[in-house]
All heavy atoms as atom14 arrays in JSON, in Angstrom:
{
  "sequence": "ATPFQLLVATVLSAQCTDKRVNMVTPALFADYPDATTMAEA",
  "atom14_mask": [
    [1, 1, 1, 1, 1, 0, 0, 0, 0, 0, 0, 0, 0, 0],
    [1, 1, 1, 1, 1, 1, 1, 0, 0, 0, 0, 0, 0, 0],
    [1, 1, 1, 1, 1, 1, 1, 0, 0, 0, 0, 0, 0, 0],
    [1, 1, 1, 1, 1, 1, 1, 1, 1, 1, 1, 0, 0, 0],
    [1, 1, 1, 1, 1, 1, 1, 1, 1, 0, 0, 0, 0, 0],
    [1, 1, 1, 1, 1, 1, 1, 1, 0, 0, 0, 0, 0, 0],
    [1, 1, 1, 1, 1, 1, 1, 1, 0, 0, 0, 0, 0, 0],
    [1, 1, 1, 1, 1, 1, 1, 0, 0, 0, 0, 0, 0, 0],
    [1, 1, 1, 1, 1, 0, 0, 0, 0, 0, 0, 0, 0, 0],
    [1, 1, 1, 1, 1, 1, 1, 0, 0, 0, 0, 0, 0, 0],
    [1, 1, 1, 1, 1, 1, 1, 0, 0, 0, 0, 0, 0, 0],
    [1, 1, 1, 1, 1, 1, 1, 1, 0, 0, 0, 0, 0, 0],
    [1, 1, 1, 1, 1, 1, 0, 0, 0, 0, 0, 0, 0, 0],
    [1, 1, 1, 1, 1, 0, 0, 0, 0, 0, 0, 0, 0, 0],
    [1, 1, 1, 1, 1, 1, 1, 1, 1, 0, 0, 0, 0, 0],
    [1, 1, 1, 1, 1, 1, 0, 0, 0, 0, 0, 0, 0, 0],
    [1, 1, 1, 1, 1, 1, 1, 0, 0, 0, 0, 0, 0, 0],
    [1, 1, 1, 1, 1, 1, 1, 1, 0, 0, 0, 0, 0, 0],
    [1, 1, 1, 1, 1, 1, 1, 1, 1, 0, 0, 0, 0, 0],
    [1, 1, 1, 1, 1, 1, 1, 1, 1, 1, 1, 0, 0, 0],
    [1, 1, 1, 1, 1, 1, 1, 0, 0, 0, 0, 0, 0, 0],
    [1, 1, 1, 1, 1, 1, 1, 1, 0, 0, 0, 0, 0, 0],
    [1, 1, 1, 1, 1, 1, 1, 1, 0, 0, 0, 0, 0, 0],
    [1, 1, 1, 1, 1, 1, 1, 0, 0, 0, 0, 0, 0, 0],
    [1, 1, 1, 1, 1, 1, 1, 0, 0, 0, 0, 0, 0, 0],
    [1, 1, 1, 1, 1, 1, 1, 0, 0, 0, 0, 0, 0, 0],
    [1, 1, 1, 1, 1, 0, 0, 0, 0, 0, 0, 0, 0, 0],
    [1, 1, 1, 1, 1, 1, 1, 1, 0, 0, 0, 0, 0, 0],
    [1, 1, 1, 1, 1, 1, 1, 1, 1, 1, 1, 0, 0, 0],
    [1, 1, 1, 1, 1, 0, 0, 0, 0, 0, 0, 0, 0, 0],
    [1, 1, 1, 1, 1, 1, 1, 1, 0, 0, 0, 0, 0, 0],
    [1, 1, 1, 1, 1, 1, 1, 1, 1, 1, 1, 1, 0, 0],
    [1, 1, 1, 1, 1, 1, 1, 0, 0, 0, 0, 0, 0, 0],
    [1, 1, 1, 1, 1, 1, 1, 1, 0, 0, 0, 0, 0, 0],
    [1, 1, 1, 1, 1, 0, 0, 0, 0, 0, 0, 0, 0, 0],
    [1, 1, 1, 1, 1, 1, 1, 0, 0, 0, 0, 0, 0, 0],
    [1, 1, 1, 1, 1, 1, 1, 0, 0, 0, 0, 0, 0, 0],
    [1, 1, 1, 1, 1, 1, 1, 1, 0, 0, 0, 0, 0, 0],
    [1, 1, 1, 1, 1, 0, 0, 0, 0, 0, 0, 0, 0, 0],
    [1, 1, 1, 1, 1, 1, 1, 1, 1, 0, 0, 0, 0, 0],
    [1, 1, 1, 1, 1, 0, 0, 0, 0, 0, 0, 0, 0, 0]
  ],
  "atom14_positions": [
    [[128.02, -30.32, -235.66], [128.15, -29.76, -237.06], [129.3, -30.43, -237.74], [129.35, -30.29, -239.0], [128.33, -28.21, -237.01], [0.0, 0.0, 0.0], [0.0, 0.0, 0.0], [0.0, 0.0, 0.0], [0.0, 0.0, 0.0], [0.0, 0.0, 0.0], [0.0, 0.0, 0.0], [0.0, 0.0, 0.0], [0.0, 0.0, 0.0], [0.0, 0.0, 0.0]],
    [[130.32, -30.98, -237.03], [131.47, -31.5, -237.65], [131.82, -32.81, -236.95], [131.39, -33.13, -235.96], [132.59, -30.55, -237.52], [133.0, -30.44, -236.11], [132.36, -29.14, -238.07], [0.0, 0.0, 0.0], [0.0, 0.0, 0.0], [0.0, 0.0, 0.0], [0.0, 0.0, 0.0], [0.0, 0.0, 0.0], [0.0, 0.0, 0.0], [0.0, 0.0, 0.0]],
    [[132.7, -33.67, -237.64], [133.11, -34.88, -236.92], [133.78, -34.59, -235.49], [133.58, -35.38, -234.61], [134.17, -35.42, -237.92], [133.71, -35.01, -239.22], [133.21, -33.56, -239.01], [0.0, 0.0, 0.0], [0.0, 0.0, 0.0], [0.0, 0.0, 0.0], [0.0, 0.0, 0.0], [0.0, 0.0, 0.0], [0.0, 0.0, 0.0], [0.0, 0.0, 0.0]],
    [[134.51, -33.49, -235.4], [135.07, -33.17, -234.2], [134.08, -32.84, -233.15], [134.1, -33.39, -231.94], [136.01, -31.92, -234.24], [136.52, -31.44, -232.93], [137.6, -32.16, -232.22], [136.05, -30.2, -232.26], [138.02, -31.74, -231.01], [136.47, -29.88, -231.17], [137.37, -30.56, -230.39], [0.0, 0.0, 0.0], [0.0, 0.0, 0.0], [0.0, 0.0, 0.0]],
    [[133.02, -32.14, -233.47], [132.05, -31.79, -232.57], [131.22, -33.12, -232.14], [130.73, -33.24, -231.02], [131.01, -30.77, -233.07], [131.75, -29.38, -233.16], [130.86, -28.32, -233.68], [129.63, -28.47, -233.94], [131.47, -27.13, -233.9], [0.0, 0.0, 0.0], [0.0, 0.0, 0.0], [0.0, 0.0, 0.0], [0.0, 0.0, 0.0], [0.0, 0.0, 0.0]],
    [[131.02, -34.07, -233.1], [130.39, -35.28, -232.76], [131.22, -36.01, -231.83], [130.69, -36.67, -230.83], [130.13, -36.09, -233.98], [129.65, -37.54, -233.8], [128.24, -37.48, -233.17], [129.6, -38.29, -235.11], [0.0, 0.0, 0.0], [0.0, 0.0, 0.0], [0.0, 0.0, 0.0], [0.0, 0.0, 0.0], [0.0, 0.0, 0.0], [0.0, 0.0, 0.0]],
    [[132.51, -36.06, -232.06], [133.41, -36.86, -231.09], [133.35, -36.19, -229.73], [133.22, -36.91, -228.75], [134.85, -36.7, -231.68], [135.97, -37.27, -230.73], [135.77, -38.71, -230.53], [137.36, -36.9, -231.43], [0.0, 0.0, 0.0], [0.0, 0.0, 0.0], [0.0, 0.0, 0.0], [0.0, 0.0, 0.0], [0.0, 0.0, 0.0], [0.0, 0.0, 0.0]],
    [[133.42, -34.94, -229.6], [133.39, -34.25, -228.25], [132.02, -34.62, -227.53], [131.9, -34.91, -226.48], [133.46, -32.75, -228.38], [133.12, -32.04, -227.13], [134.91, -32.4, -228.83], [0.0, 0.0, 0.0], [0.0, 0.0, 0.0], [0.0, 0.0, 0.0], [0.0, 0.0, 0.0], [0.0, 0.0, 0.0], [0.0, 0.0, 0.0], [0.0, 0.0, 0.0]],
    [[130.88, -34.42, -228.35], [129.48, -34.74, -227.78], [129.36, -36.16, -227.34], [128.82, -36.39, -226.25], [128.47, -34.35, -228.79], [0.0, 0.0, 0.0], [0.0, 0.0, 0.0], [0.0, 0.0, 0.0], [0.0, 0.0, 0.0], [0.0, 0.0, 0.0], [0.0, 0.0, 0.0], [0.0, 0.0, 0.0], [0.0, 0.0, 0.0], [0.0, 0.0, 0.0]],
    [[129.97, -37.04, -228.11], [129.86, -38.41, -227.83], [130.66, -38.82, -226.53], [130.19, -39.64, -225.65], [130.23, -39.4, -228.95], [129.58, -38.98, -230.14], [129.94, -40.82, -228.68], [0.0, 0.0, 0.0], [0.0, 0.0, 0.0], [0.0, 0.0, 0.0], [0.0, 0.0, 0.0], [0.0, 0.0, 0.0], [0.0, 0.0, 0.0], [0.0, 0.0, 0.0]],
    [[131.81, -38.19, -226.37], [132.63, -38.38, -225.14], [131.86, -37.84, -223.95], [131.72, -38.46, -222.9], [133.95, -37.66, -225.23], [134.66, -37.61, -223.91], [134.84, -38.42, -226.22], [0.0, 0.0, 0.0], [0.0, 0.0, 0.0], [0.0, 0.0, 0.0], [0.0, 0.0, 0.0], [0.0, 0.0, 0.0], [0.0, 0.0, 0.0], [0.0, 0.0, 0.0]],
    [[131.15, -36.69, -224.11], [130.46, -36.07, -222.98], [129.13, -36.94, -222.65], [128.76, -36.93, -221.58], [129.99, -34.72, -223.41], [131.08, -33.6, -223.48], [130.53, -32.26, -223.97], [131.7, -33.41, -222.06], [0.0, 0.0, 0.0], [0.0, 0.0, 0.0], [0.0, 0.0, 0.0], [0.0, 0.0, 0.0], [0.0, 0.0, 0.0], [0.0, 0.0, 0.0]],
    [[128.65, -37.68, -223.62], [127.35, -38.35, -223.45], [127.57, -39.66, -222.57], [126.6, -40.36, -222.27], [126.77, -38.76, -224.79], [127.43, -39.8, -225.46], [0.0, 0.0, 0.0], [0.0, 0.0, 0.0], [0.0, 0.0, 0.0], [0.0, 0.0, 0.0], [0.0, 0.0, 0.0], [0.0, 0.0, 0.0], [0.0, 0.0, 0.0], [0.0, 0.0, 0.0]],
    [[128.74, -40.12, -222.37], [129.02, -41.38, -221.59], [128.37, -41.25, -220.2], [128.66, -40.21, -219.5], [130.52, -41.63, -221.37], [0.0, 0.0, 0.0], [0.0, 0.0, 0.0], [0.0, 0.0, 0.0], [0.0, 0.0, 0.0], [0.0, 0.0, 0.0], [0.0, 0.0, 0.0], [0.0, 0.0, 0.0], [0.0, 0.0, 0.0], [0.0, 0.0, 0.0]],
    [[127.47, -42.02, -219.85], [126.7, -42.08, -218.62], [126.09, -40.8, -218.35], [125.96, -40.3, -217.18], [127.67, -42.38, -217.45], [128.22, -43.88, -217.57], [129.07, -44.24, -216.47], [130.28, -43.89, -216.37], [128.56, -45.03, -215.54], [0.0, 0.0, 0.0], [0.0, 0.0, 0.0], [0.0, 0.0, 0.0], [0.0, 0.0, 0.0], [0.0, 0.0, 0.0]],
    [[125.56, -40.12, -219.43], [124.88, -38.88, -219.35], [123.82, -38.85, -220.52], [124.01, -39.48, -221.55], [125.85, -37.72, -219.43], [125.14, -36.06, -219.27], [0.0, 0.0, 0.0], [0.0, 0.0, 0.0], [0.0, 0.0, 0.0], [0.0, 0.0, 0.0], [0.0, 0.0, 0.0], [0.0, 0.0, 0.0], [0.0, 0.0, 0.0], [0.0, 0.0, 0.0]],
    [[122.8, -38.05, -220.34], [121.71, -38.06, -221.34], [122.09, -37.18, -222.52], [122.84, -36.11, -222.35], [120.4, -37.55, -220.82], [120.57, -36.16, -220.34], [119.93, -38.44, -219.61], [0.0, 0.0, 0.0], [0.0, 0.0, 0.0], [0.0, 0.0, 0.0], [0.0, 0.0, 0.0], [0.0, 0.0, 0.0], [0.0, 0.0, 0.0], [0.0, 0.0, 0.0]],
    [[121.66, -37.44, -223.66], [121.9, -36.61, -224.82], [121.35, -35.15, -224.62], [121.84, -34.2, -225.1], [121.33, -37.19, -226.14], [122.08, -38.39, -226.57], [123.16, -38.8, -225.93], [121.6, -39.11, -227.56], [0.0, 0.0, 0.0], [0.0, 0.0, 0.0], [0.0, 0.0, 0.0], [0.0, 0.0, 0.0], [0.0, 0.0, 0.0], [0.0, 0.0, 0.0]],
    [[120.17, -35.16, -223.97], [119.54, -33.89, -223.73], [120.43, -32.97, -222.88], [120.57, -31.71, -223.18], [118.24, -34.1, -222.98], [117.46, -32.86, -222.64], [116.15, -33.14, -221.94], [115.34, -31.85, -221.61], [114.07, -32.2, -220.97], [0.0, 0.0, 0.0], [0.0, 0.0, 0.0], [0.0, 0.0, 0.0], [0.0, 0.0, 0.0], [0.0, 0.0, 0.0]],
    [[121.07, -33.48, -221.92], [121.99, -32.74, -221.04], [123.24, -32.29, -221.85], [123.65, -31.1, -221.73], [122.41, -33.49, -219.78], [123.58, -32.97, -219.04], [123.23, -31.58, -218.48], [122.08, -31.56, -217.65], [121.63, -30.37, -217.15], [122.22, -29.22, -217.39], [120.42, -30.4, -216.41], [0.0, 0.0, 0.0], [0.0, 0.0, 0.0], [0.0, 0.0, 0.0]],
    [[123.73, -33.2, -222.63], [124.88, -32.83, -223.5], [124.58, -31.66, -224.44], [125.35, -30.71, -224.63], [125.34, -34.03, -224.17], [126.5, -33.68, -225.22], [125.93, -35.12, -223.33], [0.0, 0.0, 0.0], [0.0, 0.0, 0.0], [0.0, 0.0, 0.0], [0.0, 0.0, 0.0], [0.0, 0.0, 0.0], [0.0, 0.0, 0.0], [0.0, 0.0, 0.0]],
    [[123.38, -31.76, -224.97], [122.94, -30.72, -225.96], [122.76, -29.47, -225.32], [122.76, -28.42, -225.98], [121.68, -31.21, -226.67], [121.9, -32.28, -227.69], [123.06, -32.55, -228.11], [120.91, -32.98, -228.05], [0.0, 0.0, 0.0], [0.0, 0.0, 0.0], [0.0, 0.0, 0.0], [0.0, 0.0, 0.0], [0.0, 0.0, 0.0], [0.0, 0.0, 0.0]],
    [[122.61, -29.4, -223.97], [122.47, -28.12, -223.23], [123.79, -27.46, -223.06], [123.81, -26.21, -222.93], [121.79, -28.4, -221.91], [120.31, -28.82, -222.07], [119.65, -29.32, -220.42], [119.65, -27.79, -219.55], [0.0, 0.0, 0.0], [0.0, 0.0, 0.0], [0.0, 0.0, 0.0], [0.0, 0.0, 0.0], [0.0, 0.0, 0.0], [0.0, 0.0, 0.0]],
    [[124.89, -28.22, -223.0], [126.15, -27.62, -222.7], [127.05, -27.37, -223.96], [127.92, -26.54, -223.99], [126.98, -28.43, -221.73], [126.16, -28.68, -220.4], [127.43, -29.76, -222.3], [0.0, 0.0, 0.0], [0.0, 0.0, 0.0], [0.0, 0.0, 0.0], [0.0, 0.0, 0.0], [0.0, 0.0, 0.0], [0.0, 0.0, 0.0], [0.0, 0.0, 0.0]],
    [[126.76, -28.14, -225.06], [127.69, -28.04, -226.22], [127.49, -26.67, -226.98], [128.57, -26.3, -227.55], [127.53, -29.23, -227.1], [126.1, -29.4, -227.43], [128.11, -30.49, -226.4], [0.0, 0.0, 0.0], [0.0, 0.0, 0.0], [0.0, 0.0, 0.0], [0.0, 0.0, 0.0], [0.0, 0.0, 0.0], [0.0, 0.0, 0.0], [0.0, 0.0, 0.0]],
    [[126.35, -26.1, -227.05], [126.32, -24.82, -227.82], [127.39, -23.77, -227.44], [128.03, -23.26, -228.22], [124.88, -24.3, -227.67], [124.1, -25.6, -227.42], [124.98, -26.38, -226.59], [0.0, 0.0, 0.0], [0.0, 0.0, 0.0], [0.0, 0.0, 0.0], [0.0, 0.0, 0.0], [0.0, 0.0, 0.0], [0.0, 0.0, 0.0], [0.0, 0.0, 0.0]],
    [[127.48, -23.58, -226.1], [128.45, -22.54, -225.57], [129.86, -23.17, -225.77], [130.79, -22.37, -226.18], [128.16, -22.3, -224.15], [0.0, 0.0, 0.0], [0.0, 0.0, 0.0], [0.0, 0.0, 0.0], [0.0, 0.0, 0.0], [0.0, 0.0, 0.0], [0.0, 0.0, 0.0], [0.0, 0.0, 0.0], [0.0, 0.0, 0.0], [0.0, 0.0, 0.0]],
    [[130.01, -24.37, -225.57], [131.39, -24.99, -225.72], [131.87, -24.9, -227.2], [133.04, -24.43, -227.41], [131.38, -26.5, -225.24], [132.63, -27.21, -225.45], [133.73, -26.73, -224.49], [132.45, -28.68, -225.17], [0.0, 0.0, 0.0], [0.0, 0.0, 0.0], [0.0, 0.0, 0.0], [0.0, 0.0, 0.0], [0.0, 0.0, 0.0], [0.0, 0.0, 0.0]],
    [[131.01, -25.21, -228.16], [131.33, -25.18, -229.59], [131.44, -23.77, -230.01], [132.17, -23.49, -230.99], [130.38, -25.97, -230.37], [130.34, -27.48, -230.1], [129.26, -28.27, -230.31], [131.49, -28.07, -229.58], [129.25, -29.6, -230.09], [131.53, -29.45, -229.31], [130.47, -30.21, -229.6], [0.0, 0.0, 0.0], [0.0, 0.0, 0.0], [0.0, 0.0, 0.0]],
    [[130.71, -22.84, -229.45], [130.85, -21.49, -229.91], [132.24, -20.91, -229.6], [132.82, -20.14, -230.41], [129.77, -20.58, -229.1], [0.0, 0.0, 0.0], [0.0, 0.0, 0.0], [0.0, 0.0, 0.0], [0.0, 0.0, 0.0], [0.0, 0.0, 0.0], [0.0, 0.0, 0.0], [0.0, 0.0, 0.0], [0.0, 0.0, 0.0], [0.0, 0.0, 0.0]],
    [[132.85, -21.39, -228.49], [134.15, -20.87, -228.06], [135.28, -21.74, -228.57], [136.33, -21.35, -228.83], [134.24, -20.68, -226.55], [133.36, -19.58, -226.09], [132.94, -18.69, -226.92], [133.07, -19.47, -224.92], [0.0, 0.0, 0.0], [0.0, 0.0, 0.0], [0.0, 0.0, 0.0], [0.0, 0.0, 0.0], [0.0, 0.0, 0.0], [0.0, 0.0, 0.0]],
    [[134.95, -23.09, -228.65], [136.0, -23.97, -229.11], [135.37, -24.97, -230.21], [135.05, -26.07, -229.86], [136.4, -24.84, -227.83], [137.0, -24.06, -226.77], [136.19, -23.66, -225.7], [138.33, -23.5, -226.92], [136.77, -22.83, -224.65], [138.84, -22.65, -225.82], [138.04, -22.38, -224.75], [138.6, -21.57, -223.74], [0.0, 0.0, 0.0], [0.0, 0.0, 0.0]],
    [[135.24, -24.42, -231.32], [134.59, -25.14, -232.38], [135.34, -26.32, -233.05], [134.75, -27.16, -233.69], [134.28, -24.05, -233.49], [135.36, -23.16, -233.33], [135.67, -23.15, -231.8], [0.0, 0.0, 0.0], [0.0, 0.0, 0.0], [0.0, 0.0, 0.0], [0.0, 0.0, 0.0], [0.0, 0.0, 0.0], [0.0, 0.0, 0.0], [0.0, 0.0, 0.0]],
    [[136.65, -26.33, -232.8], [137.44, -27.3, -233.47], [138.65, -27.81, -232.61], [138.81, -27.18, -231.48], [138.03, -26.84, -234.81], [138.75, -25.47, -234.69], [139.44, -25.21, -233.78], [138.46, -24.59, -235.61], [0.0, 0.0, 0.0], [0.0, 0.0, 0.0], [0.0, 0.0, 0.0], [0.0, 0.0, 0.0], [0.0, 0.0, 0.0], [0.0, 0.0, 0.0]],
    [[139.38, -28.69, -233.08], [140.42, -29.27, -232.22], [141.51, -28.31, -231.92], [142.08, -28.22, -230.87], [140.97, -30.48, -232.91], [0.0, 0.0, 0.0], [0.0, 0.0, 0.0], [0.0, 0.0, 0.0], [0.0, 0.0, 0.0], [0.0, 0.0, 0.0], [0.0, 0.0, 0.0], [0.0, 0.0, 0.0], [0.0, 0.0, 0.0], [0.0, 0.0, 0.0]],
    [[141.79, -27.37, -232.9], [142.94, -26.49, -232.77], [142.64, -25.49, -231.64], [143.53, -25.22, -230.86], [143.14, -25.73, -234.09], [143.43, -26.66, -235.1], [144.24, -24.71, -233.96], [0.0, 0.0, 0.0], [0.0, 0.0, 0.0], [0.0, 0.0, 0.0], [0.0, 0.0, 0.0], [0.0, 0.0, 0.0], [0.0, 0.0, 0.0], [0.0, 0.0, 0.0]],
    [[141.43, -24.93, -231.57], [140.99, -23.97, -230.59], [140.93, -24.72, -229.26], [141.46, -24.2, -228.2], [139.74, -23.29, -230.91], [138.77, -24.27, -231.13], [139.94, -22.37, -232.07], [0.0, 0.0, 0.0], [0.0, 0.0, 0.0], [0.0, 0.0, 0.0], [0.0, 0.0, 0.0], [0.0, 0.0, 0.0], [0.0, 0.0, 0.0], [0.0, 0.0, 0.0]],
    [[140.4, -25.9, -229.14], [140.21, -26.55, -227.88], [141.59, -27.01, -227.3], [141.77, -27.12, -226.11], [139.23, -27.8, -227.99], [138.9, -28.3, -226.59], [137.53, -29.57, -226.76], [136.16, -28.63, -227.23], [0.0, 0.0, 0.0], [0.0, 0.0, 0.0], [0.0, 0.0, 0.0], [0.0, 0.0, 0.0], [0.0, 0.0, 0.0], [0.0, 0.0, 0.0]],
    [[142.49, -27.3, -228.2], [143.79, -27.74, -227.79], [144.55, -26.61, -227.0], [145.39, -26.96, -226.16], [144.69, -28.15, -228.98], [0.0, 0.0, 0.0], [0.0, 0.0, 0.0], [0.0, 0.0, 0.0], [0.0, 0.0, 0.0], [0.0, 0.0, 0.0], [0.0, 0.0, 0.0], [0.0, 0.0, 0.0], [0.0, 0.0, 0.0], [0.0, 0.0, 0.0]],
    [[144.13, -25.46, -227.14], [144.84, -24.29, -226.44], [144.14, -24.06, -225.06], [144.66, -23.3, -224.22], [144.72, -23.02, -227.24], [145.37, -23.08, -228.61], [146.86, -23.31, -228.45], [147.5, -22.86, -227.49], [147.31, -24.1, -229.3], [0.0, 0.0, 0.0], [0.0, 0.0, 0.0], [0.0, 0.0, 0.0], [0.0, 0.0, 0.0], [0.0, 0.0, 0.0]],
    [[142.98, -24.77, -224.77], [142.3, -24.55, -223.48], [142.93, -25.49, -222.45], [143.58, -26.47, -222.78], [140.87, -24.87, -223.67], [0.0, 0.0, 0.0], [0.0, 0.0, 0.0], [0.0, 0.0, 0.0], [0.0, 0.0, 0.0], [0.0, 0.0, 0.0], [0.0, 0.0, 0.0], [0.0, 0.0, 0.0], [0.0, 0.0, 0.0], [0.0, 0.0, 0.0]]
  ]
}
């Protein structure tokens, strides 16, 4: 939904299928939607 989320998804997609990445990012982005929140994890 945002440049940050695209960046995260693209990092996750290295040597991995987009289908698999799309399975894990909904929960990840729900809890850590932006850099500020993920920086605290």
